[in-house]
Protein backbone atom coordinates (compact mmCIF):
# COMPACT_ATOMS: atom_id res chain seq x y z
CA MET A 1 15.37 -24.66 -6.85
CA PRO A 2 11.82 -25.82 -8.91
CA ASP A 3 11.87 -23.38 -12.15
CA ARG A 4 8.36 -21.55 -10.84
CA ALA A 5 8.83 -19.13 -7.87
CA ALA A 6 7.14 -16.43 -6.18
CA LEU A 7 8.00 -12.39 -5.23
CA ILE A 8 6.36 -10.65 -3.35
CA VAL A 9 7.23 -6.85 -2.92
CA ASN A 10 6.28 -4.39 -0.90
CA LEU A 11 6.58 -0.32 -0.75
CA GLY A 12 9.91 -0.16 0.64
CA SER A 13 11.83 1.13 3.77
CA PRO A 14 15.24 2.99 5.16
CA ASP A 15 17.69 0.09 6.40
CA SER A 16 17.94 2.11 9.79
CA PRO A 17 15.88 5.08 11.11
CA ALA A 18 18.94 6.69 11.01
CA VAL A 19 18.95 9.89 8.91
CA PRO A 20 21.53 9.25 6.32
CA ASP A 21 19.41 5.78 6.00
CA VAL A 22 16.25 7.84 5.85
CA ARG A 23 17.71 10.80 3.57
CA ARG A 24 19.03 7.48 0.88
CA TYR A 25 15.65 5.87 1.40
CA LEU A 26 13.71 9.04 0.40
CA ASP A 27 15.96 10.25 -2.68
CA GLN A 28 15.34 6.76 -4.28
CA PHE A 29 11.46 7.15 -3.23
CA LEU A 30 10.69 10.72 -4.23
CA MET A 31 13.06 10.36 -7.44
CA ASP A 32 10.50 8.07 -8.96
CA PRO A 33 8.50 9.88 -11.59
CA ARG A 34 5.58 7.54 -10.62
CA VAL A 35 5.56 9.02 -7.22
CA VAL A 36 6.29 12.31 -8.12
CA ASP A 37 5.16 13.11 -11.70
CA LEU A 38 7.27 15.64 -12.74
CA PRO A 39 9.99 16.31 -15.39
CA TRP A 40 13.30 15.13 -13.87
CA PRO A 41 15.10 18.74 -13.27
CA LEU A 42 12.39 19.94 -11.84
CA ARG A 43 11.31 16.52 -9.52
CA ARG A 44 15.76 16.80 -9.01
CA PHE A 45 15.31 20.36 -7.62
CA ILE A 46 12.51 19.96 -5.55
CA VAL A 47 13.41 16.73 -3.96
CA SER A 48 17.21 18.06 -3.10
CA ALA A 49 16.13 21.86 -2.33
CA PHE A 50 13.21 21.78 -0.67
CA ILE A 51 12.63 17.86 0.73
CA LEU A 52 15.73 16.45 1.82
CA PRO A 53 17.48 19.06 3.47
CA ARG A 54 14.55 18.97 6.20
CA ARG A 55 12.45 15.99 5.93
CA PRO A 56 15.18 13.29 6.94
CA ARG A 57 15.18 14.08 10.53
CA ALA A 58 11.27 14.50 10.97
CA THR A 59 10.96 11.33 9.29
CA SER A 60 14.22 9.26 11.44
CA GLU A 61 12.09 10.63 14.69
CA ALA A 62 9.09 8.93 13.05
CA TYR A 63 10.89 5.40 12.54
CA SER A 64 12.71 5.69 15.70
CA SER A 65 9.15 5.51 17.32
CA ILE A 66 8.08 2.30 15.61
CA TRP A 67 11.40 0.38 15.19
CA MET A 68 11.46 -3.15 16.66
CA ASP A 69 14.41 -4.98 17.44
CA GLU A 70 14.10 -7.09 14.36
CA GLY A 71 14.06 -3.88 11.98
CA SER A 72 11.47 -1.70 9.77
CA PRO A 73 8.09 -3.15 10.82
CA LEU A 74 7.12 -3.30 7.20
CA LYS A 75 10.16 -5.71 6.28
CA VAL A 76 9.79 -7.36 9.39
CA TYR A 77 5.89 -8.42 8.01
CA THR A 78 6.74 -9.12 4.89
CA GLU A 79 9.52 -11.22 5.46
CA ALA A 80 7.46 -13.55 7.97
CA LEU A 81 4.49 -13.43 5.19
CA ALA A 82 6.63 -14.77 2.65
CA GLU A 83 8.02 -17.68 4.69
CA ALA A 84 4.59 -18.23 5.52
CA LEU A 85 3.42 -18.17 2.29
CA GLU A 86 6.09 -20.71 1.24
CA ALA A 87 5.02 -23.11 3.32
CA SER A 88 1.76 -22.95 2.29
CA LEU A 89 2.48 -22.93 -1.57
CA GLY A 90 5.21 -25.54 -1.19
CA GLU A 91 7.24 -23.42 -3.71
CA PRO A 92 10.07 -20.89 -2.84
CA VAL A 93 9.19 -17.37 -2.07
CA ARG A 94 10.73 -14.04 -2.07
CA TRP A 95 10.44 -10.82 -0.84
CA ALA A 96 11.74 -7.49 -1.87
CA MET A 97 11.13 -3.20 -1.43
CA ARG A 98 10.69 -1.24 -4.07
CA TYR A 99 12.68 1.24 -2.73
CA GLY A 100 15.82 0.20 -0.24
CA SER A 101 16.45 -3.56 0.42
CA PRO A 102 16.25 -6.32 -0.53
CA SER A 103 15.74 -4.81 -4.01
CA ILE A 104 13.45 -6.18 -6.99
CA GLU A 105 16.46 -6.37 -9.07
CA ASP A 106 18.62 -8.28 -6.28
CA GLN A 107 15.84 -10.83 -5.33
CA LEU A 108 14.88 -11.62 -9.64
CA VAL A 109 19.10 -12.20 -9.90
CA ALA A 110 18.67 -14.66 -7.32
CA LEU A 111 16.07 -16.44 -8.60
CA ALA A 112 17.38 -16.25 -11.94
CA ASP A 113 20.97 -17.56 -10.84
CA ALA A 114 18.97 -20.48 -8.73
CA GLY A 115 17.38 -21.66 -12.11
CA VAL A 116 14.12 -20.20 -11.56
CA ARG A 117 12.00 -19.17 -15.26
CA HIS A 118 8.87 -18.26 -13.99
CA VAL A 119 8.42 -15.42 -11.39
CA ARG A 120 4.72 -14.89 -9.95
CA PHE A 121 5.33 -11.69 -9.54
CA LEU A 122 2.83 -10.20 -6.86
CA PRO A 123 3.14 -6.46 -5.38
CA LEU A 124 1.23 -6.29 -2.03
CA TYR A 125 -0.88 -3.27 -2.90
CA PRO A 126 -4.61 -4.45 -2.93
CA HIS A 127 -5.59 -1.10 -5.32
CA TRP A 128 -3.99 -0.01 -8.19
CA ALA A 129 -1.87 2.88 -8.34
CA MET A 130 0.93 4.32 -10.93
CA SER A 131 3.10 4.93 -7.46
CA THR A 132 2.48 1.23 -6.22
CA THR A 133 1.30 -1.39 -8.37
CA GLU A 134 2.64 0.14 -11.53
CA THR A 135 6.12 1.02 -10.95
CA SER A 136 6.75 -2.19 -8.96
CA ILE A 137 6.29 -3.98 -12.06
CA VAL A 138 7.88 -1.43 -14.18
CA GLU A 139 10.94 -1.71 -12.21
CA ALA A 140 10.92 -5.70 -12.45
CA GLN A 141 10.45 -5.62 -16.04
CA ARG A 142 13.37 -3.11 -16.21
CA ALA A 143 15.77 -5.47 -14.15
CA ILE A 144 14.59 -8.34 -16.33
CA GLU A 145 16.00 -6.78 -19.29
CA ALA A 146 18.88 -4.64 -17.89
CA ARG A 147 20.21 -7.91 -16.63
CA LYS A 148 19.34 -10.14 -19.54
CA LEU A 149 17.86 -12.67 -16.93
CA ASP A 150 16.16 -15.83 -18.48
CA LEU A 151 12.71 -15.10 -16.63
CA THR A 152 9.27 -14.93 -17.48
CA LEU A 153 7.45 -12.19 -15.37
CA GLU A 154 4.11 -12.96 -14.18
CA PRO A 155 2.51 -9.54 -12.63
CA MET A 156 -0.36 -10.67 -10.65
CA PRO A 157 -3.51 -8.30 -10.94
CA VAL A 158 -5.09 -6.15 -7.67
CA PHE A 159 -7.02 -8.19 -5.33
CA TYR A 160 -9.57 -5.00 -3.68
CA GLN A 161 -12.46 -7.03 -4.27
CA GLN A 162 -11.14 -10.89 -3.76
CA PRO A 163 -13.74 -12.43 -1.75
CA ASP A 164 -10.99 -13.78 0.68
CA TYR A 165 -9.64 -10.45 0.87
CA ILE A 166 -12.10 -8.91 1.77
CA ALA A 167 -13.30 -12.00 4.31
CA GLU A 168 -9.79 -11.40 6.13
CA LEU A 169 -10.80 -7.89 6.44
CA ALA A 170 -13.85 -8.37 8.18
CA VAL A 171 -12.66 -11.13 10.53
CA LEU A 172 -9.64 -8.78 11.60
CA ALA A 173 -12.22 -6.20 12.21
CA ARG A 174 -14.85 -8.06 14.09
CA GLU A 175 -11.66 -9.19 16.49
CA HIS A 176 -11.36 -5.55 17.76
CA LEU A 177 -14.46 -3.48 16.96
CA GLN A 178 -16.57 -2.80 20.13
CA PRO A 179 -20.55 -1.99 19.28
CA ASP A 180 -20.24 1.49 19.58
CA ASP A 181 -17.18 2.19 17.73
CA HIS A 182 -17.59 4.29 14.65
CA LEU A 183 -15.23 2.92 11.90
CA LEU A 184 -12.99 4.77 9.30
CA PHE A 185 -11.40 3.62 6.85
CA SER A 186 -8.17 5.17 5.98
CA TYR A 187 -6.11 4.76 2.64
CA HIS A 188 -3.18 6.34 1.62
CA GLY A 189 -3.87 9.38 -0.54
CA LEU A 190 -2.83 9.96 -4.06
CA PRO A 191 -2.53 13.34 -5.87
CA GLU A 192 -5.75 13.60 -8.27
CA TRP A 193 -3.49 14.14 -10.84
CA HIS A 194 -2.37 10.48 -10.75
CA LEU A 195 -5.83 9.41 -11.35
CA ARG A 196 -6.63 11.04 -14.60
CA LYS A 197 -3.25 10.03 -15.73
CA SER A 198 -4.13 6.22 -14.77
CA ASP A 199 -7.79 6.72 -16.62
CA PRO A 200 -6.74 4.60 -19.77
CA THR A 201 -10.06 6.29 -21.70
CA GLY A 202 -8.59 9.83 -20.59
CA ARG A 203 -12.33 10.81 -19.95
CA HIS A 204 -13.82 9.41 -16.72
CA CYS A 205 -11.72 9.76 -13.48
CA LEU A 206 -13.01 12.66 -11.78
CA THR A 207 -15.05 14.43 -14.15
CA ARG A 208 -17.65 14.02 -12.10
CA PRO A 209 -18.98 13.18 -8.93
CA ASP A 210 -20.30 10.16 -8.93
CA CYS A 211 -17.48 8.98 -11.01
CA CYS A 212 -16.45 5.93 -9.29
CA GLN A 213 -20.25 4.55 -9.39
CA VAL A 214 -20.68 4.82 -12.84
CA PRO A 215 -19.39 1.98 -14.86
CA SER A 216 -16.08 2.31 -16.90
CA PRO A 217 -12.69 0.32 -17.74
CA ALA A 218 -11.43 3.49 -16.04
CA HIS A 219 -12.17 1.42 -12.81
CA ASP A 220 -9.37 -1.22 -13.37
CA PHE A 221 -6.88 1.08 -13.10
CA CYS A 222 -8.57 3.95 -10.72
CA TYR A 223 -7.42 4.04 -6.71
CA ARG A 224 -10.68 5.71 -5.90
CA HIS A 225 -13.09 3.09 -7.05
CA GLN A 226 -11.15 0.32 -5.99
CA VAL A 227 -10.75 1.39 -2.16
CA MET A 228 -14.40 2.62 -2.30
CA VAL A 229 -15.70 -0.94 -3.29
CA THR A 230 -13.09 -2.18 -0.47
CA ALA A 231 -14.48 -0.18 2.11
CA GLU A 232 -18.24 -1.03 0.72
CA ARG A 233 -17.79 -4.68 0.96
CA VAL A 234 -15.94 -4.64 4.29
CA ALA A 235 -18.73 -2.98 5.97
CA ALA A 236 -21.35 -5.41 4.25
CA ALA A 237 -19.71 -8.13 5.77
CA LEU A 238 -19.40 -6.69 9.12
CA GLY A 239 -23.31 -5.60 8.51
CA LEU A 240 -22.47 -2.02 9.45
CA PRO A 241 -25.13 1.20 8.49
CA ASP A 242 -23.77 3.48 6.56
CA GLU A 243 -24.02 5.84 9.50
CA ARG A 244 -21.48 3.79 11.15
CA TRP A 245 -18.73 4.35 8.75
CA GLU A 246 -16.67 6.14 6.64
CA VAL A 247 -13.49 6.78 4.40
CA SER A 248 -10.85 9.32 4.00
CA PHE A 249 -7.26 9.68 2.60
CA GLN A 250 -3.91 10.10 4.73
CA SER A 251 -0.29 10.78 4.13
CA ARG A 252 -0.27 13.59 1.36
CA LEU A 253 2.65 15.26 0.52
CA GLY A 254 3.30 19.28 -1.39
CA ARG A 255 0.83 21.54 -2.30
CA ALA A 256 -0.88 19.76 -5.51
CA LYS A 257 -4.56 18.58 -4.49
CA TRP A 258 -4.98 15.15 -3.21
CA LEU A 259 -8.08 12.71 -2.63
CA GLU A 260 -10.48 13.88 -0.39
CA PRO A 261 -11.48 14.03 2.62
CA TYR A 262 -8.32 14.26 4.42
CA THR A 263 -7.64 11.83 7.33
CA ASP A 264 -6.09 14.52 9.77
CA GLN A 265 -8.95 16.74 9.14
CA VAL A 266 -11.79 13.94 9.57
CA LEU A 267 -10.05 12.77 12.67
CA ALA A 268 -10.32 16.59 14.33
CA ALA A 269 -14.31 17.07 13.01
CA LEU A 270 -15.55 13.78 14.19
CA PRO A 271 -15.71 14.28 18.14
CA ASP A 272 -18.15 17.27 16.81
CA ARG A 273 -19.94 15.23 14.83
CA GLY A 274 -20.61 13.13 18.00
CA VAL A 275 -18.30 10.57 17.29
CA ARG A 276 -16.45 9.37 20.65
CA LYS A 277 -15.29 5.92 19.82
CA LEU A 278 -13.85 5.25 16.79
CA ALA A 279 -11.68 2.17 15.34
CA VAL A 280 -9.66 3.02 12.51
CA MET A 281 -8.31 0.49 9.72
CA CYS A 282 -5.90 0.90 6.87
CA PRO A 283 -6.85 -1.48 4.04
CA ALA A 284 -4.47 -0.03 1.53
CA PHE A 285 -1.56 -1.66 3.52
CA VAL A 286 -1.57 -5.84 4.30
CA ALA A 287 1.54 -4.74 6.73
CA ASP A 288 1.70 -2.23 9.45
CA ASN A 289 4.29 0.56 8.89
CA LEU A 290 5.25 3.83 9.32
CA GLU A 291 1.85 5.25 8.10
CA THR A 292 -0.18 2.54 10.04
CA LEU A 293 1.54 3.04 13.05
CA GLU A 294 3.21 6.06 13.51
CA GLU A 295 0.47 8.52 11.13
CA ILE A 296 -2.50 6.78 12.45
CA GLY A 297 -1.73 4.75 15.81
CA MET A 298 0.28 7.69 17.19
CA GLN A 299 -0.43 11.32 15.75
CA GLY A 300 -3.97 10.44 14.49
CA ARG A 301 -4.80 8.89 17.80
CA GLU A 302 -3.67 12.28 19.34
CA THR A 303 -5.31 14.20 17.26
CA PHE A 304 -9.09 12.41 17.59
CA LEU A 305 -8.39 12.63 21.83
CA GLU A 306 -7.63 16.02 21.95
CA ALA A 307 -10.30 17.04 19.87
CA GLY A 308 -12.85 15.04 22.47
CA GLY A 309 -12.63 11.49 21.45
CA GLU A 310 -13.22 9.10 24.00
CA ARG A 311 -11.74 6.01 22.56
CA PHE A 312 -9.33 5.42 19.75
CA THR A 313 -8.65 1.78 18.06
CA LEU A 314 -6.23 1.00 15.38
CA ILE A 315 -6.95 -2.29 13.81
CA PRO A 316 -3.29 -3.64 12.72
CA CYS A 317 -2.79 -4.79 9.00
CA LEU A 318 -3.23 -8.54 8.04
CA ASN A 319 0.49 -8.94 8.53
CA ALA A 320 1.42 -12.85 8.38
CA ARG A 321 -2.34 -14.15 10.02
CA PRO A 322 -2.74 -17.51 8.67
CA GLY A 323 -6.35 -16.89 7.48
CA TRP A 324 -4.54 -13.95 5.12
CA VAL A 325 -1.73 -16.35 4.33
CA THR A 326 -4.08 -18.84 3.50
CA ALA A 327 -6.03 -16.22 0.62
CA LEU A 328 -2.90 -15.22 -0.32
CA ALA A 329 -1.62 -18.59 -1.22
CA GLU A 330 -4.93 -19.45 -3.55
CA MET A 331 -4.78 -16.27 -4.88
CA LEU A 332 -1.19 -16.90 -6.36
CA ARG A 333 -2.45 -20.87 -7.37
CA GLU A 334 -5.94 -19.82 -8.92
CA ARG A 335 -5.39 -16.39 -10.50
CA PRO A 336 -4.13 -15.79 -13.95
CA ALA A 337 -1.42 -13.15 -14.24
CA LEU A 338 -1.88 -9.98 -16.13
CA ALA A 339 -2.83 -10.38 -19.38
CA LYS A 340 -0.94 -7.22 -20.94
CA ALA A 341 2.74 -5.90 -19.60
CA VAL A 342 2.79 -2.37 -18.41
CA ASN A 343 3.59 0.44 -20.35
CA ALA A 344 7.30 1.30 -18.95
CA SER A 345 7.63 4.38 -20.86
């Protein structure tokens, strides 16, 4: 094996839709301090006392509704992407899950054992967030240090405004949009506190209504700013006027205030605003998963149609489309790694 390889990383999935596997996955996911940002004793109490006794059964049913013969959709599509990317790059490409298997640690160990010394590390999240990109990089750094691996990690930057990524989203949307569709960009939500904590200036994010439009170093780590840029550029590439598209945020958890507007509330309100024909795309994800296929494709569809909508189209994720594979290969070849390692504290 050559001394260079790439490792792409997605969020994670249980090994099966069975309740015990879902409970194990949720425990690992929710106990990450970059996901539930609370002191360990309080986080452990909330997860063990309030979430794990009830949520795994409902989540198990949701996973069962989308599970493929080959396994979890997220794993199936991520593996297909890795295989296509390896063929395009002409160098080894492995894939991992931040939570569940195959783990980041196991894949890094395997690469080191095979003689790889430099790893281009790409979390498959277009937009920076402490609960996605940051935690993946921190976990890779931890694994290399804990296992004393002779590896140089080269974390890749987020790609929310990369022209090839925007172009591929626009091509994908054109394949599904009809002339009278309204387009909703539904992004995974975040607690507002996550944005404030990620703000390196400590005084920009969410301090004023137009903070995302005011230039700031905070934008390098601001999820809300970055998703707005993606939506604006895709809408521009599609030639959509402002009244034909909007942004919302899905998948909130707990009682803290999350980014608004909430997707489920927007879907319920759109028909009363005269929007009866809707297309939804989820650019925070590059591979289809529970949040796209079940939360939006099933629950969201039902919400919109029951509120009076007439047509609902879920635009799939990029998955392993040839144009996306080519774009991602070019990013790995041409883009420099992050100049600074992420603070693991």
